Amino acid sequence: AMGGCAEQSAKPKVKMSQAQVNQVKLASMKELCAASGVVAKYIKGSKNKKKARKLGTAGDMEMRAIQISTLGKKLKYGSVAFYAKGLEEAAASGSKAAIKEAYGPIKGGVAAAIKLDANKKVYGKCKCKNGKMKCKKKKKKKK
C-alpha cells in the first residue's frame, strides 16, 4: 500500500494582495538594513570588553552575510547580493580586517538600494542609517 505523501508535497500558491506584498517587501528592507547595521557595529567594535563580546563573532558575521545575500536576492538588489558573497568569504576567514574591507561596498549598496527603491509611491523616501530604516511618505496637497 502506498501512502498519500505525493499529494501533500505540492504547495498551493497563495495569492497576496498588493498591500501584503508591499508589507513583506518593507519588512525585508528593514531586515536587510538591520543586518547591515549589525555588521557595521561589529566592525566598529567597543573599548568595553563586555560590550565588544555582545557584538558577535566572525562566525556571526558569516550568518549575517548569508542573510544579507538572501535578502538582496529576494529584493532584487543584485549588487548587494553580489558583494555579500565576498563578505561571507571574509567572515569565514575570521579576519576582522577582511570583514571590514568586504563590508565597504555592502554598506553603500544597501543604503543606495533602499534609497533608490522604485516603490517610492508606496513607501515614500526610505533611508537606512545605523541599522535602522525610516521611510517618509510624501503628504498629498489639498486643492
N, C-alpha and C. Protein backbone atom coordinates (compact mmCIF):
# COMPACT_ATOMS: atom_id res chain seq x y z
N ALA A 1 0.85 -1.19 0.00
CA ALA A 1 0.00 0.00 0.00
C ALA A 1 0.88 1.24 0.00
N MET A 2 0.50 2.20 -0.84
CA MET A 2 1.28 3.44 -0.95
C MET A 2 0.64 4.51 -0.07
N GLY A 3 1.49 5.26 0.60
CA GLY A 3 1.00 6.38 1.43
C GLY A 3 0.64 7.54 0.51
N GLY A 4 -0.25 8.39 0.95
CA GLY A 4 -0.66 9.53 0.13
C GLY A 4 0.25 10.73 0.30
N CYS A 5 1.56 10.51 0.29
CA CYS A 5 2.51 11.60 0.52
C CYS A 5 2.67 12.52 -0.69
N ALA A 6 2.54 11.97 -1.87
CA ALA A 6 2.79 12.74 -3.08
C ALA A 6 1.86 13.95 -3.20
N GLU A 7 0.66 13.79 -2.74
CA GLU A 7 -0.31 14.89 -2.88
C GLU A 7 -0.06 16.02 -1.90
N GLN A 8 0.60 15.72 -0.78
CA GLN A 8 0.85 16.75 0.21
C GLN A 8 2.09 17.59 -0.13
N SER A 9 2.95 17.09 -0.99
CA SER A 9 4.20 17.79 -1.28
C SER A 9 3.99 19.05 -2.12
N ALA A 10 2.94 19.10 -2.90
CA ALA A 10 2.71 20.28 -3.73
C ALA A 10 2.11 21.40 -2.88
N LYS A 11 2.84 22.50 -2.82
CA LYS A 11 2.36 23.64 -2.03
C LYS A 11 1.40 24.48 -2.86
N PRO A 12 0.28 24.84 -2.29
CA PRO A 12 -0.63 25.70 -3.06
C PRO A 12 -0.07 27.13 -3.13
N LYS A 13 -0.20 27.73 -4.28
CA LYS A 13 0.26 29.11 -4.45
C LYS A 13 -0.75 30.03 -3.80
N VAL A 14 -0.26 30.88 -2.91
CA VAL A 14 -1.15 31.80 -2.22
C VAL A 14 -1.06 33.16 -2.89
N LYS A 15 -2.18 33.66 -3.29
CA LYS A 15 -2.22 34.99 -3.92
C LYS A 15 -2.22 36.04 -2.81
N MET A 16 -1.27 36.96 -2.89
CA MET A 16 -1.23 38.03 -1.89
C MET A 16 -1.71 39.32 -2.53
N SER A 17 -2.37 40.12 -1.73
CA SER A 17 -2.80 41.43 -2.23
C SER A 17 -1.57 42.31 -2.37
N GLN A 18 -1.68 43.38 -3.12
CA GLN A 18 -0.55 44.29 -3.31
C GLN A 18 -0.09 44.87 -1.97
N ALA A 19 -1.04 45.13 -1.08
CA ALA A 19 -0.70 45.67 0.25
C ALA A 19 0.15 44.68 1.03
N GLN A 20 -0.18 43.39 0.93
CA GLN A 20 0.59 42.35 1.63
C GLN A 20 1.98 42.23 1.02
N VAL A 21 2.04 42.30 -0.30
CA VAL A 21 3.34 42.22 -0.99
C VAL A 21 4.22 43.38 -0.52
N ASN A 22 3.62 44.57 -0.45
CA ASN A 22 4.36 45.75 -0.01
C ASN A 22 4.84 45.60 1.44
N GLN A 23 4.00 45.04 2.30
CA GLN A 23 4.38 44.84 3.70
C GLN A 23 5.55 43.88 3.81
N VAL A 24 5.49 42.80 3.04
CA VAL A 24 6.56 41.80 3.06
C VAL A 24 7.87 42.43 2.57
N LYS A 25 7.76 43.22 1.50
CA LYS A 25 8.96 43.86 0.95
C LYS A 25 9.53 44.86 1.94
N LEU A 26 8.69 45.65 2.56
CA LEU A 26 9.14 46.64 3.54
C LEU A 26 9.82 45.95 4.72
N ALA A 27 9.25 44.83 5.16
CA ALA A 27 9.84 44.06 6.26
C ALA A 27 11.21 43.53 5.86
N SER A 28 11.35 43.07 4.62
CA SER A 28 12.63 42.57 4.12
C SER A 28 13.66 43.69 4.04
N MET A 29 13.21 44.88 3.61
CA MET A 29 14.11 46.03 3.53
C MET A 29 14.61 46.40 4.94
N LYS A 30 13.70 46.37 5.92
CA LYS A 30 14.08 46.68 7.31
C LYS A 30 15.07 45.65 7.84
N GLU A 31 14.82 44.39 7.52
CA GLU A 31 15.69 43.30 7.97
C GLU A 31 17.07 43.44 7.35
N LEU A 32 17.12 43.78 6.07
CA LEU A 32 18.39 43.97 5.37
C LEU A 32 19.17 45.12 6.01
N CYS A 33 18.48 46.20 6.30
CA CYS A 33 19.10 47.36 6.93
C CYS A 33 19.65 46.99 8.31
N ALA A 34 18.87 46.25 9.08
CA ALA A 34 19.27 45.84 10.42
C ALA A 34 20.49 44.92 10.38
N ALA A 35 20.50 43.98 9.45
CA ALA A 35 21.63 43.04 9.31
C ALA A 35 22.89 43.81 8.96
N SER A 36 22.75 44.78 8.07
CA SER A 36 23.88 45.62 7.68
C SER A 36 24.40 46.40 8.89
N GLY A 37 23.47 46.89 9.71
CA GLY A 37 23.85 47.64 10.91
C GLY A 37 24.60 46.80 11.92
N VAL A 38 24.22 45.52 12.05
CA VAL A 38 24.89 44.62 12.98
C VAL A 38 26.35 44.42 12.56
N VAL A 39 26.57 44.25 11.26
CA VAL A 39 27.94 44.07 10.76
C VAL A 39 28.76 45.34 11.01
N ALA A 40 28.13 46.50 10.77
CA ALA A 40 28.82 47.78 10.99
C ALA A 40 29.23 47.94 12.45
N LYS A 41 28.33 47.57 13.37
CA LYS A 41 28.64 47.67 14.81
C LYS A 41 29.77 46.72 15.19
N TYR A 42 29.76 45.53 14.59
CA TYR A 42 30.83 44.54 14.86
C TYR A 42 32.17 45.11 14.42
N ILE A 43 32.20 45.71 13.24
CA ILE A 43 33.45 46.26 12.70
C ILE A 43 33.94 47.42 13.58
N LYS A 44 33.01 48.27 13.99
CA LYS A 44 33.36 49.42 14.83
C LYS A 44 33.92 48.95 16.17
N GLY A 45 33.29 47.90 16.72
CA GLY A 45 33.76 47.35 17.99
C GLY A 45 33.45 48.25 19.16
N SER A 46 34.01 47.89 20.30
CA SER A 46 33.82 48.67 21.52
C SER A 46 35.05 48.51 22.40
N LYS A 47 35.41 49.58 23.11
CA LYS A 47 36.56 49.50 24.03
C LYS A 47 36.22 48.66 25.26
N ASN A 48 34.92 48.63 25.58
CA ASN A 48 34.44 47.85 26.71
C ASN A 48 34.38 46.37 26.28
N LYS A 49 35.17 45.53 26.95
CA LYS A 49 35.25 44.11 26.55
C LYS A 49 33.90 43.40 26.61
N LYS A 50 33.10 43.72 27.63
CA LYS A 50 31.79 43.08 27.78
C LYS A 50 30.89 43.46 26.60
N LYS A 51 30.89 44.75 26.24
CA LYS A 51 30.08 45.21 25.10
C LYS A 51 30.60 44.62 23.80
N ALA A 52 31.92 44.55 23.66
CA ALA A 52 32.54 44.02 22.44
C ALA A 52 32.12 42.57 22.21
N ARG A 53 32.04 41.80 23.30
CA ARG A 53 31.62 40.39 23.18
C ARG A 53 30.19 40.28 22.68
N LYS A 54 29.35 41.20 23.10
CA LYS A 54 27.94 41.18 22.69
C LYS A 54 27.75 41.51 21.22
N LEU A 55 28.77 42.10 20.59
CA LEU A 55 28.65 42.49 19.18
C LEU A 55 28.79 41.30 18.24
N GLY A 56 29.21 40.16 18.78
CA GLY A 56 29.26 38.94 17.96
C GLY A 56 30.66 38.53 17.57
N THR A 57 30.71 37.44 16.80
CA THR A 57 31.99 36.86 16.35
C THR A 57 32.01 36.89 14.83
N ALA A 58 33.15 36.51 14.27
CA ALA A 58 33.27 36.43 12.81
C ALA A 58 32.26 35.42 12.27
N GLY A 59 32.01 34.36 13.03
CA GLY A 59 31.01 33.35 12.63
C GLY A 59 29.62 33.95 12.54
N ASP A 60 29.31 34.84 13.50
CA ASP A 60 28.02 35.53 13.46
C ASP A 60 27.93 36.40 12.22
N MET A 61 29.04 37.03 11.87
CA MET A 61 29.06 37.91 10.70
C MET A 61 28.87 37.11 9.41
N GLU A 62 29.34 35.86 9.43
CA GLU A 62 29.15 34.98 8.28
C GLU A 62 27.65 34.72 8.09
N MET A 63 26.95 34.51 9.21
CA MET A 63 25.50 34.30 9.15
C MET A 63 24.80 35.57 8.64
N ARG A 64 25.26 36.72 9.10
CA ARG A 64 24.68 38.00 8.64
C ARG A 64 24.92 38.18 7.15
N ALA A 65 26.10 37.78 6.68
CA ALA A 65 26.42 37.89 5.25
C ALA A 65 25.47 37.04 4.42
N ILE A 66 25.17 35.84 4.91
CA ILE A 66 24.23 34.95 4.22
C ILE A 66 22.84 35.60 4.21
N GLN A 67 22.47 36.19 5.36
CA GLN A 67 21.17 36.86 5.47
C GLN A 67 21.10 38.04 4.48
N ILE A 68 22.16 38.83 4.42
CA ILE A 68 22.21 39.98 3.51
C ILE A 68 22.10 39.51 2.06
N SER A 69 22.83 38.45 1.74
CA SER A 69 22.81 37.89 0.39
C SER A 69 21.41 37.41 0.01
N THR A 70 20.78 36.66 0.92
CA THR A 70 19.44 36.13 0.67
C THR A 70 18.43 37.26 0.47
N LEU A 71 18.48 38.25 1.37
CA LEU A 71 17.55 39.38 1.27
C LEU A 71 17.83 40.21 0.02
N GLY A 72 19.11 40.35 -0.32
CA GLY A 72 19.49 41.09 -1.52
C GLY A 72 18.89 40.45 -2.77
N LYS A 73 18.95 39.11 -2.82
CA LYS A 73 18.37 38.39 -3.96
C LYS A 73 16.85 38.53 -3.97
N LYS A 74 16.24 38.39 -2.79
CA LYS A 74 14.78 38.47 -2.66
C LYS A 74 14.27 39.84 -3.11
N LEU A 75 14.99 40.88 -2.74
CA LEU A 75 14.57 42.25 -3.07
C LEU A 75 15.06 42.69 -4.45
N LYS A 76 15.79 41.78 -5.11
CA LYS A 76 16.36 42.07 -6.43
C LYS A 76 17.35 43.23 -6.39
N TYR A 77 18.15 43.28 -5.31
CA TYR A 77 19.25 44.23 -5.19
C TYR A 77 20.51 43.44 -5.56
N GLY A 78 20.77 43.35 -6.86
CA GLY A 78 21.84 42.50 -7.37
C GLY A 78 23.20 42.78 -6.77
N SER A 79 23.59 44.05 -6.69
CA SER A 79 24.93 44.38 -6.20
C SER A 79 25.08 43.98 -4.73
N VAL A 80 24.02 44.15 -3.96
CA VAL A 80 24.07 43.79 -2.53
C VAL A 80 24.31 42.29 -2.39
N ALA A 81 23.54 41.50 -3.15
CA ALA A 81 23.69 40.03 -3.10
C ALA A 81 25.10 39.63 -3.55
N PHE A 82 25.61 40.31 -4.58
CA PHE A 82 26.94 40.00 -5.12
C PHE A 82 28.03 40.27 -4.08
N TYR A 83 28.01 41.46 -3.47
CA TYR A 83 29.04 41.82 -2.50
C TYR A 83 28.92 41.02 -1.21
N ALA A 84 27.72 40.56 -0.89
CA ALA A 84 27.53 39.76 0.33
C ALA A 84 28.31 38.46 0.26
N LYS A 85 28.49 37.93 -0.95
CA LYS A 85 29.28 36.70 -1.12
C LYS A 85 30.72 36.95 -0.65
N GLY A 86 31.27 38.12 -1.00
CA GLY A 86 32.63 38.48 -0.57
C GLY A 86 32.71 38.62 0.94
N LEU A 87 31.66 39.19 1.53
CA LEU A 87 31.61 39.35 2.99
C LEU A 87 31.55 37.98 3.66
N GLU A 88 30.79 37.09 3.06
CA GLU A 88 30.66 35.72 3.59
C GLU A 88 32.03 35.04 3.64
N GLU A 89 32.79 35.18 2.55
CA GLU A 89 34.13 34.57 2.48
C GLU A 89 35.07 35.22 3.49
N ALA A 90 34.99 36.55 3.61
CA ALA A 90 35.85 37.26 4.55
C ALA A 90 35.54 36.84 5.99
N ALA A 91 34.25 36.70 6.30
CA ALA A 91 33.84 36.29 7.64
C ALA A 91 34.29 34.87 7.94
N ALA A 92 34.25 34.02 6.92
CA ALA A 92 34.68 32.63 7.09
C ALA A 92 36.16 32.57 7.46
N SER A 93 36.94 33.54 6.97
CA SER A 93 38.37 33.58 7.28
C SER A 93 38.60 33.97 8.75
N GLY A 94 37.61 34.64 9.35
CA GLY A 94 37.73 35.04 10.75
C GLY A 94 38.50 36.32 10.97
N SER A 95 38.95 36.95 9.90
CA SER A 95 39.74 38.18 9.99
C SER A 95 38.84 39.41 10.02
N LYS A 96 38.94 40.19 11.08
CA LYS A 96 38.12 41.39 11.22
C LYS A 96 38.49 42.40 10.12
N ALA A 97 39.77 42.48 9.79
CA ALA A 97 40.23 43.40 8.74
C ALA A 97 39.61 43.03 7.39
N ALA A 98 39.55 41.72 7.11
CA ALA A 98 38.96 41.25 5.85
C ALA A 98 37.46 41.54 5.83
N ILE A 99 36.80 41.37 6.98
CA ILE A 99 35.36 41.65 7.08
C ILE A 99 35.12 43.13 6.82
N LYS A 100 35.96 43.97 7.43
CA LYS A 100 35.82 45.42 7.27
C LYS A 100 35.96 45.81 5.80
N GLU A 101 36.95 45.24 5.15
CA GLU A 101 37.20 45.54 3.73
C GLU A 101 36.04 45.08 2.84
N ALA A 102 35.52 43.89 3.12
CA ALA A 102 34.43 43.32 2.31
C ALA A 102 33.11 44.03 2.58
N TYR A 103 32.97 44.64 3.76
CA TYR A 103 31.71 45.28 4.13
C TYR A 103 31.54 46.65 3.45
N GLY A 104 32.62 47.31 3.10
CA GLY A 104 32.56 48.64 2.48
C GLY A 104 31.52 48.78 1.38
N PRO A 105 31.65 47.98 0.30
CA PRO A 105 30.67 48.11 -0.79
C PRO A 105 29.25 47.70 -0.40
N ILE A 106 29.11 46.84 0.60
CA ILE A 106 27.78 46.41 1.04
C ILE A 106 27.06 47.56 1.72
N LYS A 107 27.79 48.24 2.60
CA LYS A 107 27.18 49.36 3.35
C LYS A 107 26.58 50.37 2.37
N GLY A 108 27.37 50.76 1.38
CA GLY A 108 26.90 51.71 0.37
C GLY A 108 25.81 51.12 -0.48
N GLY A 109 25.96 49.85 -0.82
CA GLY A 109 24.98 49.17 -1.67
C GLY A 109 23.61 49.06 -1.02
N VAL A 110 23.60 48.70 0.26
CA VAL A 110 22.33 48.56 0.99
C VAL A 110 21.65 49.93 1.08
N ALA A 111 22.42 50.93 1.50
CA ALA A 111 21.86 52.28 1.66
C ALA A 111 21.32 52.81 0.33
N ALA A 112 22.11 52.62 -0.73
CA ALA A 112 21.70 53.12 -2.06
C ALA A 112 20.49 52.36 -2.59
N ALA A 113 20.49 51.04 -2.45
CA ALA A 113 19.39 50.22 -2.95
C ALA A 113 18.08 50.60 -2.27
N ILE A 114 18.14 50.78 -0.95
CA ILE A 114 16.92 51.14 -0.22
C ILE A 114 16.47 52.55 -0.60
N LYS A 115 17.43 53.44 -0.73
CA LYS A 115 17.10 54.83 -1.08
C LYS A 115 16.52 54.93 -2.49
N LEU A 116 17.04 54.12 -3.40
CA LEU A 116 16.63 54.19 -4.80
C LEU A 116 15.50 53.24 -5.16
N ASP A 117 14.98 52.50 -4.18
CA ASP A 117 13.93 51.53 -4.48
C ASP A 117 12.81 52.18 -5.27
N ALA A 118 12.36 51.46 -6.29
CA ALA A 118 11.39 52.01 -7.24
C ALA A 118 10.02 52.28 -6.64
N ASN A 119 9.73 51.70 -5.49
CA ASN A 119 8.40 51.85 -4.91
C ASN A 119 8.24 53.08 -4.02
N LYS A 120 8.80 54.20 -4.45
CA LYS A 120 8.71 55.44 -3.66
C LYS A 120 7.27 55.86 -3.42
N LYS A 121 6.39 55.56 -4.38
CA LYS A 121 4.97 55.93 -4.24
C LYS A 121 4.34 55.18 -3.07
N VAL A 122 4.83 53.96 -2.82
CA VAL A 122 4.24 53.12 -1.79
C VAL A 122 4.82 53.45 -0.40
N TYR A 123 6.14 53.51 -0.32
CA TYR A 123 6.78 53.68 0.99
C TYR A 123 7.17 55.12 1.29
N GLY A 124 7.30 55.92 0.24
CA GLY A 124 7.88 57.25 0.42
C GLY A 124 9.39 57.11 0.27
N LYS A 125 10.13 58.09 0.73
CA LYS A 125 11.60 58.02 0.66
C LYS A 125 12.11 57.26 1.87
N CYS A 126 12.93 56.26 1.61
CA CYS A 126 13.45 55.44 2.71
C CYS A 126 14.96 55.64 2.87
N LYS A 127 15.40 55.57 4.11
CA LYS A 127 16.82 55.69 4.42
C LYS A 127 17.20 54.57 5.37
N CYS A 128 18.40 54.06 5.18
CA CYS A 128 18.94 53.06 6.08
C CYS A 128 20.16 53.70 6.75
N LYS A 129 20.05 53.97 8.03
CA LYS A 129 21.15 54.60 8.75
C LYS A 129 21.34 53.91 10.09
N ASN A 130 22.57 53.53 10.38
CA ASN A 130 22.92 52.88 11.65
C ASN A 130 22.04 51.66 11.97
N GLY A 131 21.70 50.91 10.93
CA GLY A 131 20.92 49.69 11.15
C GLY A 131 19.44 49.93 11.37
N LYS A 132 18.99 51.17 11.17
CA LYS A 132 17.56 51.47 11.31
C LYS A 132 17.06 52.08 10.01
N MET A 133 15.87 51.63 9.60
CA MET A 133 15.30 52.14 8.36
C MET A 133 14.11 53.02 8.67
N LYS A 134 14.09 54.16 8.02
CA LYS A 134 12.96 55.08 8.18
C LYS A 134 12.45 55.46 6.81
N CYS A 135 11.14 55.54 6.69
CA CYS A 135 10.53 55.96 5.44
C CYS A 135 9.64 57.17 5.70
N LYS A 136 9.73 58.13 4.80
CA LYS A 136 8.87 59.31 4.88
C LYS A 136 7.98 59.32 3.66
N LYS A 137 6.69 59.31 3.90
CA LYS A 137 5.74 59.40 2.78
C LYS A 137 5.48 60.85 2.48
N LYS A 138 5.33 61.14 1.20
CA LYS A 138 5.00 62.50 0.78
C LYS A 138 3.55 62.77 1.11
N LYS A 139 3.32 63.90 1.71
CA LYS A 139 1.93 64.25 2.02
C LYS A 139 1.27 64.83 0.80
N LYS A 140 0.03 64.40 0.58
CA LYS A 140 -0.71 64.90 -0.58
C LYS A 140 -1.23 66.30 -0.27
N LYS A 141 -1.05 67.16 -1.26
CA LYS A 141 -1.51 68.53 -1.09
C LYS A 141 -3.01 68.63 -1.34
N LYS A 142 -3.66 69.38 -0.49
CA LYS A 142 -5.11 69.59 -0.67
C LYS A 142 -5.32 70.72 -1.67
N LYS A 143 -6.28 70.52 -2.55
CA LYS A 143 -6.56 71.55 -3.55
C LYS A 143 -7.70 72.44 -3.13
